Amino acid sequence: MAGMLWPLLGVLAGAFVAVQAPVNAELARGLGSTLAAAAISFFAGAIVLGLVTFALSRAQGAVIDWRVPAPWLFIVGGCLGAVYVTSTIILIPRLGAAALMAFLVAGQLIAGMVVDRIGVLGVAVREISVGRIAGALLLLIGAVMVRYL
């Protein structure tokens, strides 16, 4: 059972993404602004994560060394997340939840294969095999089928 914990948490996180997109789209409709909804989503998340980080680091006696990471690392992840969240807010009313999630997963898999192949930022290098390419193509075909069939 312990070996299933991490995959189950991955499935749960994926489910949260599927729910987050329509929640943020509804917020955007109410506000009349996609960017404001994305900003509020990030702001709320930042507050929650800041509080949890503070509480856990105090409880564990950990000290966060803000000087170690390269400065660009403080910015790029948030910028990528902002593009992702804003895109989901824009796309969910146009594609629907199932199709959007299918295309997102296909994009994540394809990008993940490239990251694995290059070994970006210390990720272990993994070859792109015929099986991996076939799996990515099948996922992309499945995404198209979910959207158009």
Protein backbone atom coordinates (compact mmCIF):
# COMPACT_ATOMS: atom_id res chain seq x y z
CA MET A 1 0.00 0.00 0.00
CA ALA A 2 2.84 2.42 0.80
CA GLY A 3 4.07 2.09 -2.81
CA MET A 4 0.73 3.43 -4.02
CA LEU A 5 0.76 6.62 -1.92
CA TRP A 6 2.77 8.78 -4.34
CA PRO A 7 0.88 7.73 -7.48
CA LEU A 8 -2.42 8.31 -5.66
CA LEU A 9 -1.27 11.77 -4.60
CA GLY A 10 -0.40 12.42 -8.25
CA VAL A 11 -3.92 11.43 -9.28
CA LEU A 12 -5.37 13.66 -6.56
CA ALA A 13 -3.25 16.62 -7.70
CA GLY A 14 -4.45 16.03 -11.25
CA ALA A 15 -8.03 16.03 -10.04
CA PHE A 16 -7.40 19.33 -8.27
CA VAL A 17 -6.20 20.81 -11.59
CA ALA A 18 -9.42 19.65 -13.26
CA VAL A 19 -11.47 21.40 -10.55
CA GLN A 20 -9.23 24.48 -10.32
CA ALA A 21 -9.76 25.43 -13.97
CA PRO A 22 -13.55 25.87 -13.82
CA VAL A 23 -13.32 27.53 -10.40
CA ASN A 24 -10.88 30.10 -11.78
CA ALA A 25 -12.95 30.53 -14.96
CA GLU A 26 -16.04 31.26 -12.85
CA LEU A 27 -14.02 33.76 -10.82
CA ALA A 28 -12.91 35.41 -14.09
CA ARG A 29 -16.52 35.63 -15.29
CA GLY A 30 -17.56 37.22 -12.01
CA LEU A 31 -14.67 39.68 -12.02
CA GLY A 32 -14.80 40.35 -15.75
CA SER A 33 -11.05 39.75 -16.01
CA THR A 34 -9.05 36.62 -16.74
CA LEU A 35 -5.81 38.15 -15.49
CA ALA A 36 -7.37 39.34 -12.24
CA ALA A 37 -8.70 35.82 -11.59
CA ALA A 38 -5.25 34.32 -12.25
CA ALA A 39 -3.63 36.92 -9.98
CA ILE A 40 -6.08 36.22 -7.17
CA SER A 41 -5.56 32.47 -7.59
CA PHE A 42 -1.80 32.92 -7.21
CA PHE A 43 -2.16 35.41 -4.37
CA ALA A 44 -4.40 33.06 -2.38
CA GLY A 45 -2.05 30.15 -3.05
CA ALA A 46 0.96 32.22 -2.04
CA ILE A 47 -0.65 33.17 1.25
CA VAL A 48 -1.54 29.55 2.06
CA LEU A 49 1.90 28.26 1.07
CA GLY A 50 3.62 31.05 2.99
CA LEU A 51 1.71 30.20 6.16
CA VAL A 52 2.32 26.46 5.78
CA THR A 53 6.02 27.05 5.05
CA PHE A 54 6.37 29.28 8.11
CA ALA A 55 4.55 26.79 10.36
CA LEU A 56 6.42 23.71 9.13
CA SER A 57 9.86 25.33 9.17
CA ARG A 58 9.27 26.52 12.74
CA ALA A 59 7.94 23.12 13.83
CA GLN A 60 10.90 21.30 12.26
CA GLY A 61 13.48 23.86 13.32
CA ALA A 62 14.48 24.30 9.67
CA VAL A 63 16.10 27.44 8.34
CA ILE A 64 15.39 28.42 4.76
CA ASP A 65 18.51 29.74 3.04
CA TRP A 66 17.17 32.26 0.54
CA ARG A 67 20.68 32.99 -0.78
CA VAL A 68 21.44 29.55 -2.24
CA PRO A 69 19.18 29.29 -5.31
CA ALA A 70 20.05 31.28 -8.44
CA PRO A 71 17.92 34.45 -8.56
CA TRP A 72 16.14 33.45 -11.77
CA LEU A 73 14.75 30.37 -10.02
CA PHE A 74 12.67 32.66 -7.79
CA ILE A 75 10.90 34.06 -10.86
CA VAL A 76 10.67 31.48 -13.64
CA GLY A 77 8.55 28.87 -11.86
CA GLY A 78 5.95 31.45 -10.89
CA CYS A 79 5.89 32.90 -14.42
CA LEU A 80 5.39 29.45 -15.93
CA GLY A 81 2.61 28.78 -13.42
CA ALA A 82 0.98 32.12 -14.25
CA VAL A 83 0.90 31.27 -17.96
CA TYR A 84 -0.49 27.82 -17.12
CA VAL A 85 -3.27 29.08 -14.83
CA THR A 86 -4.21 31.94 -17.16
CA SER A 87 -4.32 29.55 -20.11
CA THR A 88 -6.62 27.16 -18.28
CA ILE A 89 -8.97 30.03 -17.43
CA ILE A 90 -9.08 31.05 -21.09
CA LEU A 91 -9.34 27.52 -22.52
CA ILE A 92 -11.81 25.74 -20.22
CA PRO A 93 -14.94 27.48 -21.53
CA ARG A 94 -13.74 26.89 -25.10
CA LEU A 95 -12.61 23.26 -24.83
CA GLY A 96 -14.44 21.85 -21.80
CA ALA A 97 -12.85 20.26 -18.76
CA ALA A 98 -12.15 16.80 -20.19
CA ALA A 99 -10.58 18.01 -23.43
CA LEU A 100 -8.54 20.67 -21.65
CA MET A 101 -7.18 18.13 -19.17
CA ALA A 102 -6.36 15.73 -22.02
CA PHE A 103 -4.43 18.40 -23.93
CA LEU A 104 -2.67 19.56 -20.75
CA VAL A 105 -1.54 16.03 -19.93
CA ALA A 106 -0.39 15.48 -23.52
CA GLY A 107 1.64 18.68 -23.40
CA GLN A 108 3.08 17.75 -20.01
CA LEU A 109 4.09 14.32 -21.25
CA ILE A 110 5.77 15.63 -24.40
CA ALA A 111 7.62 18.35 -22.47
CA GLY A 112 8.51 15.84 -19.76
CA MET A 113 10.07 13.55 -22.33
CA VAL A 114 12.21 16.42 -23.63
CA VAL A 115 13.21 17.40 -20.07
CA ASP A 116 14.13 13.76 -19.37
CA ARG A 117 16.12 13.46 -22.59
CA ILE A 118 18.11 16.66 -22.04
CA GLY A 119 18.41 16.26 -18.27
CA VAL A 120 17.27 19.82 -17.55
CA LEU A 121 18.34 21.18 -14.12
CA GLY A 122 19.70 17.88 -12.87
CA VAL A 123 16.79 15.65 -13.89
CA ALA A 124 18.08 12.15 -14.59
CA VAL A 125 18.60 11.61 -18.32
CA ARG A 126 16.23 9.09 -19.86
CA GLU A 127 16.21 8.10 -23.48
CA ILE A 128 13.20 8.68 -25.71
CA SER A 129 12.25 5.19 -26.83
CA VAL A 130 9.84 4.09 -29.52
CA GLY A 131 7.44 3.04 -26.74
CA ARG A 132 7.57 6.47 -25.13
CA ILE A 133 6.96 8.18 -28.47
CA ALA A 134 4.05 5.82 -29.18
CA GLY A 135 2.59 6.52 -25.75
CA ALA A 136 2.81 10.28 -26.28
CA LEU A 137 1.23 10.01 -29.73
CA LEU A 138 -1.57 7.84 -28.37
CA LEU A 139 -2.19 10.37 -25.60
CA LEU A 140 -2.26 13.22 -28.11
CA ILE A 141 -4.62 11.26 -30.37
CA GLY A 142 -6.78 10.55 -27.32
CA ALA A 143 -6.89 14.27 -26.50
CA VAL A 144 -8.04 15.06 -30.04
CA MET A 145 -10.67 12.31 -29.79
CA VAL A 146 -11.94 13.64 -26.43
CA ARG A 147 -12.32 17.09 -27.98
CA TYR A 148 -13.68 16.32 -31.45
CA LEU A 149 -15.41 12.93 -31.35
